[in-house]
Every structure is written in C-alpha cells, then in structure tokens.
C-alpha cells in the first residue's frame, strides 16, 4: 500500500477503501486537483502538519496533538498505527468455526473477507485483508486489514463471522504513559468508522518507528 501525496500538507492513506465514492485513492487525488473540497470525503486521511516525535517524554507526544476524540465524541488514549512494512493494520483473528482455516486451506497471501462479531468488537463493517500468518492446528489467522481493492481484483475467501483476538502495531501518538497490563481506549488509525476501541496492552517494545505493542481483549466503545 502506497501513501498518495495530494499537497504539501495532506496525504491520502492508500487504503482504497472506496468510502469516498472513488475506487482508489489515486482516483480521488486526481479529482482533488480541480475540486479540493472533496478531501472531506476521506475519513482516514493523514494531515502532515501533525507530526509526532518519538521520545519526547513518557507519552511520545509530538509538538501538535489531535483532539483525542472519535467521530462519536468519545475520548481515547492513543492512535494505533500499522507497521511500515505491512499493507494495513495487523489483526489476530479466529473464525467462529476454527475448522474453516483448514477446510478452506487458508494460506499466506490469500485475500479474505469477514466481520468481527459480538464481544470481540462487534464492528458493523465487513473487513477485507491479506493473510500473513496461519496456524492450521488452532485455526488462528493473522492478517493485514486493507481496502477491498485487492479482494475485488484477485478474488477472496469468505470466512464469515470471526473473533478479533488482538491487534499488533505501533504507537507514535499518545496522551498517556503506556504500561504492560493496563487497559486503554485507542483508535486504529485506519478504522473506517474512526471509532475508539479498548484493549489490554500485553507486549511493548521500543523501536525507531515508535512503541511496538500487542493489544488483546478487544471491544468497541
């Protein structure tokens, strides 16, 4: 996934989610040349005027901070970014029928669709993504959630409902000190709804890109 630069200050996410009404981020970028107001259609765009700086105190705070509220006005503690080498957020999932992992012969590189149901988030949006790890014995799958373009073009495997077991990613902007064993409200940077999530941080590693974390025990709200 490649970020699409549209101006000196605004970058489209490159997720090709289609929520703006255009098939790809490149298509929207072309329209922005003559219709700049269309930028408001992109709910996951990144404003480069907000530049986080890792290492400024325990909260990794940059010079300019976001409002720390989701689209429903609820406060959260940090943004969860995806790893630079990944095409999207890394999600650890388990199909409601774990046997599907073997029956459907899920393999690394497959495109899938599914929806997290019930206590494990209850997200109303069907997720699309590409598989990066598979455990055929337990049925656990790790995939990177992306926009639907890849699934549309190359076909996909539909696992139906699944349990979202955890997220792995980076923290570069936070208003709280991050500690193992603490539960936080957070917002995945590329969440299409821009809703806050909650989860327990059970792994932390400081890297040059930010704090690498694993967050489990997920729910939305």
C-alpha atoms as a PDB file:
ATOM      1  CA  UNK A   1       0.000   0.000   0.000  1.00  0.00           C
ATOM      2  CA  UNK A   2       1.426   3.374  -1.029  1.00  0.00           C
ATOM      3  CA  UNK A   3       0.527   6.706   0.526  1.00  0.00           C
ATOM      4  CA  UNK A   4      -0.826   9.178  -2.028  1.00  0.00           C
ATOM      5  CA  UNK A   5       0.523  12.727  -1.623  1.00  0.00           C
ATOM      6  CA  UNK A   6      -2.039  15.323  -2.704  1.00  0.00           C
ATOM      7  CA  UNK A   7      -0.465  18.530  -1.372  1.00  0.00           C
ATOM      8  CA  UNK A   8       2.249  19.792   0.922  1.00  0.00           C
ATOM      9  CA  UNK A   9       0.137  19.044   3.972  1.00  0.00           C
ATOM     10  CA  UNK A  10      -2.275  16.209   3.168  1.00  0.00           C
ATOM     11  CA  UNK A  11      -1.635  12.547   2.393  1.00  0.00           C
ATOM     12  CA  UNK A  12      -4.325  10.062   1.395  1.00  0.00           C
ATOM     13  CA  UNK A  13      -3.918   6.705   3.156  1.00  0.00           C
ATOM     14  CA  UNK A  14      -3.642   4.487   0.070  1.00  0.00           C
ATOM     15  CA  UNK A  15      -6.166   2.034   1.554  1.00  0.00           C
ATOM     16  CA  UNK A  16      -8.506   2.204  -1.479  1.00  0.00           C
ATOM     17  CA  UNK A  17     -11.484   1.687   0.840  1.00  0.00           C
ATOM     18  CA  UNK A  18     -13.960   3.281  -1.568  1.00  0.00           C
ATOM     19  CA  UNK A  19     -15.857   5.187   1.145  1.00  0.00           C
ATOM     20  CA  UNK A  20     -15.137   8.496  -0.605  1.00  0.00           C
ATOM     21  CA  UNK A  21     -17.049   7.314  -3.672  1.00  0.00           C
ATOM     22  CA  UNK A  22     -13.956   6.717  -5.802  1.00  0.00           C
ATOM     23  CA  UNK A  23     -12.500   3.299  -6.489  1.00  0.00           C
ATOM     24  CA  UNK A  24      -8.941   4.161  -5.436  1.00  0.00           C
ATOM     25  CA  UNK A  25      -7.045   6.870  -3.552  1.00  0.00           C
ATOM     26  CA  UNK A  26      -5.295   7.769  -6.830  1.00  0.00           C
ATOM     27  CA  UNK A  27      -8.684   8.429  -8.440  1.00  0.00           C
ATOM     28  CA  UNK A  28      -9.656  10.772  -5.600  1.00  0.00           C
ATOM     29  CA  UNK A  29      -6.274  12.514  -5.789  1.00  0.00           C
ATOM     30  CA  UNK A  30      -6.846  13.291  -9.474  1.00  0.00           C
ATOM     31  CA  UNK A  31     -10.196  14.900  -8.654  1.00  0.00           C
ATOM     32  CA  UNK A  32      -8.653  16.980  -5.853  1.00  0.00           C
ATOM     33  CA  UNK A  33      -6.607  18.914  -8.415  1.00  0.00           C
ATOM     34  CA  UNK A  34      -9.771  20.725  -9.552  1.00  0.00           C
ATOM     35  CA  UNK A  35     -12.127  20.004  -6.620  1.00  0.00           C
ATOM     36  CA  UNK A  36     -10.070  20.380  -3.405  1.00  0.00           C
ATOM     37  CA  UNK A  37     -13.181  20.315  -1.203  1.00  0.00           C
ATOM     38  CA  UNK A  38     -13.535  16.590  -1.963  1.00  0.00           C
ATOM     39  CA  UNK A  39     -10.771  15.948   0.602  1.00  0.00           C
ATOM     40  CA  UNK A  40     -13.538  15.976   3.211  1.00  0.00           C
ATOM     41  CA  UNK A  41     -14.783  12.664   1.845  1.00  0.00           C
ATOM     42  CA  UNK A  42     -11.652  10.850   3.052  1.00  0.00           C
ATOM     43  CA  UNK A  43     -12.161   9.905   6.690  1.00  0.00           C
ATOM     44  CA  UNK A  44      -8.736   8.265   7.050  1.00  0.00           C
ATOM     45  CA  UNK A  45      -6.510  10.946   5.534  1.00  0.00           C
ATOM     46  CA  UNK A  46      -3.385  11.983   7.332  1.00  0.00           C
ATOM     47  CA  UNK A  47      -2.579  15.639   7.884  1.00  0.00           C
ATOM     48  CA  UNK A  48       1.195  16.041   7.756  1.00  0.00           C
ATOM     49  CA  UNK A  49       1.026  19.209   9.858  1.00  0.00           C
ATOM     50  CA  UNK A  50       0.547  16.879  12.844  1.00  0.00           C
ATOM     51  CA  UNK A  51       3.999  15.343  13.137  1.00  0.00           C
ATOM     52  CA  UNK A  52       4.615  13.054  16.129  1.00  0.00           C
ATOM     53  CA  UNK A  53       8.119  12.962  17.588  1.00  0.00           C
ATOM     54  CA  UNK A  54       9.095   9.754  19.360  1.00  0.00           C
ATOM     55  CA  UNK A  55      10.882  10.137  22.659  1.00  0.00           C
ATOM     56  CA  UNK A  56       9.517  13.419  23.995  1.00  0.00           C
ATOM     57  CA  UNK A  57       8.572  12.224  27.439  1.00  0.00           C
ATOM     58  CA  UNK A  58       6.737   9.046  28.501  1.00  0.00           C
ATOM     59  CA  UNK A  59       3.760   9.758  26.257  1.00  0.00           C
ATOM     60  CA  UNK A  60       5.758  10.026  22.993  1.00  0.00           C
ATOM     61  CA  UNK A  61       4.000  13.324  22.404  1.00  0.00           C
ATOM     62  CA  UNK A  62       4.688  15.462  19.357  1.00  0.00           C
ATOM     63  CA  UNK A  63       4.543  19.237  19.165  1.00  0.00           C
ATOM     64  CA  UNK A  64       0.954  19.275  17.868  1.00  0.00           C
ATOM     65  CA  UNK A  65      -1.702  16.993  19.326  1.00  0.00           C
ATOM     66  CA  UNK A  66      -5.016  15.711  17.978  1.00  0.00           C
ATOM     67  CA  UNK A  67      -8.307  16.257  19.780  1.00  0.00           C
ATOM     68  CA  UNK A  68      -8.278  12.694  21.191  1.00  0.00           C
ATOM     69  CA  UNK A  69     -11.979  12.179  20.371  1.00  0.00           C
ATOM     70  CA  UNK A  70     -13.537   9.752  17.910  1.00  0.00           C
ATOM     71  CA  UNK A  71     -16.351  10.569  15.486  1.00  0.00           C
ATOM     72  CA  UNK A  72     -18.903   9.982  18.270  1.00  0.00           C
ATOM     73  CA  UNK A  73     -17.141  12.414  20.600  1.00  0.00           C
ATOM     74  CA  UNK A  74     -15.630   9.752  22.879  1.00  0.00           C
ATOM     75  CA  UNK A  75     -12.138  10.267  24.284  1.00  0.00           C
ATOM     76  CA  UNK A  76      -9.278   7.822  23.685  1.00  0.00           C
ATOM     77  CA  UNK A  77      -5.635   7.484  24.759  1.00  0.00           C
ATOM     78  CA  UNK A  78      -3.598   6.728  21.645  1.00  0.00           C
ATOM     79  CA  UNK A  79      -3.582   6.030  17.921  1.00  0.00           C
ATOM     80  CA  UNK A  80      -2.540   2.566  16.759  1.00  0.00           C
ATOM     81  CA  UNK A  81      -0.546   2.689  13.513  1.00  0.00           C
ATOM     82  CA  UNK A  82       0.324  -0.249  11.266  1.00  0.00           C
ATOM     83  CA  UNK A  83       3.913  -1.413  10.759  1.00  0.00           C
ATOM     84  CA  UNK A  84       5.668   0.324   7.834  1.00  0.00           C
ATOM     85  CA  UNK A  85       6.313  -2.996   6.082  1.00  0.00           C
ATOM     86  CA  UNK A  86       2.649  -4.103   6.301  1.00  0.00           C
ATOM     87  CA  UNK A  87      -0.111  -3.146   3.837  1.00  0.00           C
ATOM     88  CA  UNK A  88      -2.502  -2.390   6.712  1.00  0.00           C
ATOM     89  CA  UNK A  89      -3.301  -2.947  10.398  1.00  0.00           C
ATOM     90  CA  UNK A  90      -2.247  -6.385  11.699  1.00  0.00           C
ATOM     91  CA  UNK A  91      -5.175  -8.256  13.295  1.00  0.00           C
ATOM     92  CA  UNK A  92      -5.082 -11.650  15.057  1.00  0.00           C
ATOM     93  CA  UNK A  93      -8.361 -13.472  14.411  1.00  0.00           C
ATOM     94  CA  UNK A  94     -10.135 -16.789  14.958  1.00  0.00           C
ATOM     95  CA  UNK A  95     -13.056 -17.842  12.713  1.00  0.00           C
ATOM     96  CA  UNK A  96     -16.206 -18.702  14.675  1.00  0.00           C
ATOM     97  CA  UNK A  97     -15.688 -22.163  13.194  1.00  0.00           C
ATOM     98  CA  UNK A  98     -11.904 -22.665  13.545  1.00  0.00           C
ATOM     99  CA  UNK A  99     -12.100 -25.694  11.249  1.00  0.00           C
ATOM    100  CA  UNK A 100     -12.622 -23.278   8.353  1.00  0.00           C
ATOM    101  CA  UNK A 101      -8.928 -22.410   8.448  1.00  0.00           C
ATOM    102  CA  UNK A 102      -8.104 -25.967   7.339  1.00  0.00           C
ATOM    103  CA  UNK A 103     -11.228 -26.690   5.305  1.00  0.00           C
ATOM    104  CA  UNK A 104     -10.775 -23.551   3.197  1.00  0.00           C
ATOM    105  CA  UNK A 105      -6.999 -24.128   3.043  1.00  0.00           C
ATOM    106  CA  UNK A 106      -6.241 -20.587   4.199  1.00  0.00           C
ATOM    107  CA  UNK A 107      -2.656 -19.747   3.246  1.00  0.00           C
ATOM    108  CA  UNK A 108      -0.274 -16.809   3.489  1.00  0.00           C
ATOM    109  CA  UNK A 109      -1.042 -14.348   0.710  1.00  0.00           C
ATOM    110  CA  UNK A 110      -4.756 -15.198   0.455  1.00  0.00           C
ATOM    111  CA  UNK A 111      -7.258 -12.360   0.357  1.00  0.00           C
ATOM    112  CA  UNK A 112     -10.139 -12.819   2.809  1.00  0.00           C
ATOM    113  CA  UNK A 113     -13.276 -11.045   3.962  1.00  0.00           C
ATOM    114  CA  UNK A 114     -15.131 -11.417   7.255  1.00  0.00           C
ATOM    115  CA  UNK A 115     -16.777  -9.493  10.062  1.00  0.00           C
ATOM    116  CA  UNK A 116     -15.824  -9.388  13.759  1.00  0.00           C
ATOM    117  CA  UNK A 117     -18.954 -10.344  15.683  1.00  0.00           C
ATOM    118  CA  UNK A 118     -20.136  -9.924  19.269  1.00  0.00           C
ATOM    119  CA  UNK A 119     -17.913  -9.322  22.300  1.00  0.00           C
ATOM    120  CA  UNK A 120     -14.749  -9.349  20.180  1.00  0.00           C
ATOM    121  CA  UNK A 121     -15.615  -5.890  18.753  1.00  0.00           C
ATOM    122  CA  UNK A 122     -18.971  -6.190  17.020  1.00  0.00           C
ATOM    123  CA  UNK A 123     -17.802  -3.967  14.165  1.00  0.00           C
ATOM    124  CA  UNK A 124     -20.591  -3.353  11.604  1.00  0.00           C
ATOM    125  CA  UNK A 125     -18.073  -3.144   8.741  1.00  0.00           C
ATOM    126  CA  UNK A 126     -17.013  -6.224   6.759  1.00  0.00           C
ATOM    127  CA  UNK A 127     -13.209  -6.354   6.827  1.00  0.00           C
ATOM    128  CA  UNK A 128     -11.023  -7.181   3.835  1.00  0.00           C
ATOM    129  CA  UNK A 129      -7.380  -8.127   4.029  1.00  0.00           C
ATOM    130  CA  UNK A 130      -4.439 -10.322   3.147  1.00  0.00           C
ATOM    131  CA  UNK A 131      -3.205 -13.255   5.263  1.00  0.00           C
ATOM    132  CA  UNK A 132       0.324 -13.011   6.708  1.00  0.00           C
ATOM    133  CA  UNK A 133       0.369 -15.930   9.192  1.00  0.00           C
ATOM    134  CA  UNK A 134      -1.664 -19.142   9.624  1.00  0.00           C
ATOM    135  CA  UNK A 135      -1.790 -21.709  12.450  1.00  0.00           C
ATOM    136  CA  UNK A 136      -3.674 -24.669  10.961  1.00  0.00           C
ATOM    137  CA  UNK A 137      -3.640 -26.518  14.309  1.00  0.00           C
ATOM    138  CA  UNK A 138      -5.555 -23.857  16.264  1.00  0.00           C
ATOM    139  CA  UNK A 139      -7.240 -22.064  13.370  1.00  0.00           C
ATOM    140  CA  UNK A 140      -5.715 -18.706  14.368  1.00  0.00           C
ATOM    141  CA  UNK A 141      -5.027 -16.362  11.442  1.00  0.00           C
ATOM    142  CA  UNK A 142      -3.018 -13.135  11.343  1.00  0.00           C
ATOM    143  CA  UNK A 143      -3.950 -10.805   8.512  1.00  0.00           C
ATOM    144  CA  UNK A 144      -3.414  -7.214   7.495  1.00  0.00           C
ATOM    145  CA  UNK A 145      -6.713  -5.397   7.064  1.00  0.00           C
ATOM    146  CA  UNK A 146      -6.738  -3.383   3.835  1.00  0.00           C
ATOM    147  CA  UNK A 147      -9.227  -1.766   1.492  1.00  0.00           C
ATOM    148  CA  UNK A 148     -11.383  -4.007  -0.736  1.00  0.00           C
ATOM    149  CA  UNK A 149      -9.488  -3.396  -3.986  1.00  0.00           C
ATOM    150  CA  UNK A 150      -7.223  -6.440  -3.756  1.00  0.00           C
ATOM    151  CA  UNK A 151     -10.125  -8.745  -2.905  1.00  0.00           C
ATOM    152  CA  UNK A 152     -12.163  -7.350  -5.812  1.00  0.00           C
ATOM    153  CA  UNK A 153      -9.378  -7.832  -8.329  1.00  0.00           C
ATOM    154  CA  UNK A 154      -7.920 -11.167  -7.201  1.00  0.00           C
ATOM    155  CA  UNK A 155     -10.843 -12.931  -5.530  1.00  0.00           C
ATOM    156  CA  UNK A 156     -11.183 -13.793  -1.856  1.00  0.00           C
ATOM    157  CA  UNK A 157     -12.136 -16.404   0.718  1.00  0.00           C
ATOM    158  CA  UNK A 158     -15.117 -15.524   2.929  1.00  0.00           C
ATOM    159  CA  UNK A 159     -14.673 -16.796   6.493  1.00  0.00           C
ATOM    160  CA  UNK A 160     -17.920 -15.182   7.683  1.00  0.00           C
ATOM    161  CA  UNK A 161     -18.007 -14.129  11.340  1.00  0.00           C
ATOM    162  CA  UNK A 162     -14.791 -14.185  13.342  1.00  0.00           C
ATOM    163  CA  UNK A 163     -13.391 -13.275  16.748  1.00  0.00           C
ATOM    164  CA  UNK A 164     -10.861 -10.430  16.830  1.00  0.00           C
ATOM    165  CA  UNK A 165      -8.287 -11.691  19.342  1.00  0.00           C
ATOM    166  CA  UNK A 166      -5.834  -8.815  19.177  1.00  0.00           C
ATOM    167  CA  UNK A 167      -4.008  -6.114  17.252  1.00  0.00           C
ATOM    168  CA  UNK A 168      -0.298  -5.568  16.724  1.00  0.00           C
ATOM    169  CA  UNK A 169       1.031  -2.195  15.671  1.00  0.00           C
ATOM    170  CA  UNK A 170       2.901   0.980  16.542  1.00  0.00           C
ATOM    171  CA  UNK A 171       2.139   3.862  18.867  1.00  0.00           C
ATOM    172  CA  UNK A 172       3.608   7.181  17.766  1.00  0.00           C
ATOM    173  CA  UNK A 173       0.969   9.492  19.270  1.00  0.00           C
ATOM    174  CA  UNK A 174      -0.429   9.089  22.776  1.00  0.00           C
ATOM    175  CA  UNK A 175      -1.571  11.246  25.662  1.00  0.00           C
ATOM    176  CA  UNK A 176      -0.970   8.531  28.278  1.00  0.00           C
ATOM    177  CA  UNK A 177       2.042   6.605  29.512  1.00  0.00           C
ATOM    178  CA  UNK A 178       1.785   3.101  28.036  1.00  0.00           C
ATOM    179  CA  UNK A 179       2.283   0.244  30.515  1.00  0.00           C
ATOM    180  CA  UNK A 180       2.004  -3.536  30.196  1.00  0.00           C
ATOM    181  CA  UNK A 181      -1.109  -4.859  31.910  1.00  0.00           C
ATOM    182  CA  UNK A 182      -3.103  -1.652  31.527  1.00  0.00           C
ATOM    183  CA  UNK A 183      -6.309  -1.335  29.509  1.00  0.00           C
ATOM    184  CA  UNK A 184      -6.594   1.697  27.235  1.00  0.00           C
ATOM    185  CA  UNK A 185      -9.018   3.301  24.851  1.00  0.00           C
ATOM    186  CA  UNK A 186      -7.362   3.632  21.450  1.00  0.00           C
ATOM    187  CA  UNK A 187      -8.221   4.338  17.838  1.00  0.00           C
ATOM    188  CA  UNK A 188      -6.795   2.309  14.953  1.00  0.00           C
ATOM    189  CA  UNK A 189      -5.515   4.992  12.585  1.00  0.00           C
ATOM    190  CA  UNK A 190      -7.236   3.405   9.570  1.00  0.00           C
ATOM    191  CA  UNK A 191     -10.526   2.479  11.199  1.00  0.00           C
ATOM    192  CA  UNK A 192     -13.124   3.349   8.543  1.00  0.00           C
ATOM    193  CA  UNK A 193     -15.593   4.496  11.207  1.00  0.00           C
ATOM    194  CA  UNK A 194     -12.945   6.326  13.257  1.00  0.00           C
ATOM    195  CA  UNK A 195     -14.357   4.744  16.421  1.00  0.00           C
ATOM    196  CA  UNK A 196     -12.441   4.164  19.618  1.00  0.00           C
ATOM    197  CA  UNK A 197     -11.574   0.619  20.693  1.00  0.00           C
ATOM    198  CA  UNK A 198     -10.479  -0.745  24.059  1.00  0.00           C
ATOM    199  CA  UNK A 199      -7.794  -3.315  24.760  1.00  0.00           C
ATOM    200  CA  UNK A 200      -5.192  -4.624  27.200  1.00  0.00           C
ATOM    201  CA  UNK A 201      -1.549  -3.947  26.300  1.00  0.00           C
ATOM    202  CA  UNK A 202       0.424  -7.153  26.951  1.00  0.00           C
ATOM    203  CA  UNK A 203       3.613  -6.524  24.929  1.00  0.00           C
ATOM    204  CA  UNK A 204       5.754  -3.410  24.465  1.00  0.00           C
ATOM    205  CA  UNK A 205       8.967  -2.929  22.526  1.00  0.00           C
ATOM    206  CA  UNK A 206      10.538   0.448  21.819  1.00  0.00           C
ATOM    207  CA  UNK A 207      11.714   0.751  18.205  1.00  0.00           C
ATOM    208  CA  UNK A 208      12.937   3.578  15.989  1.00  0.00           C
ATOM    209  CA  UNK A 209       9.426   3.832  14.497  1.00  0.00           C
ATOM    210  CA  UNK A 210       7.614   4.084  17.861  1.00  0.00           C
ATOM    211  CA  UNK A 211       6.333   1.720  20.530  1.00  0.00           C
ATOM    212  CA  UNK A 212       5.615  -1.717  19.102  1.00  0.00           C
ATOM    213  CA  UNK A 213       2.639  -3.136  21.035  1.00  0.00           C
ATOM    214  CA  UNK A 214       0.211  -6.034  21.092  1.00  0.00           C
ATOM    215  CA  UNK A 215      -3.302  -5.250  22.328  1.00  0.00           C
ATOM    216  CA  UNK A 216      -5.735  -8.042  23.277  1.00  0.00           C
ATOM    217  CA  UNK A 217      -9.159  -8.315  24.946  1.00  0.00           C
ATOM    218  CA  UNK A 218     -10.706  -6.035  22.342  1.00  0.00           C
ATOM    219  CA  UNK A 219     -14.053  -4.310  22.229  1.00  0.00           C
ATOM    220  CA  UNK A 220     -15.502  -1.226  20.578  1.00  0.00           C
ATOM    221  CA  UNK A 221     -16.988   1.654  22.547  1.00  0.00           C
END
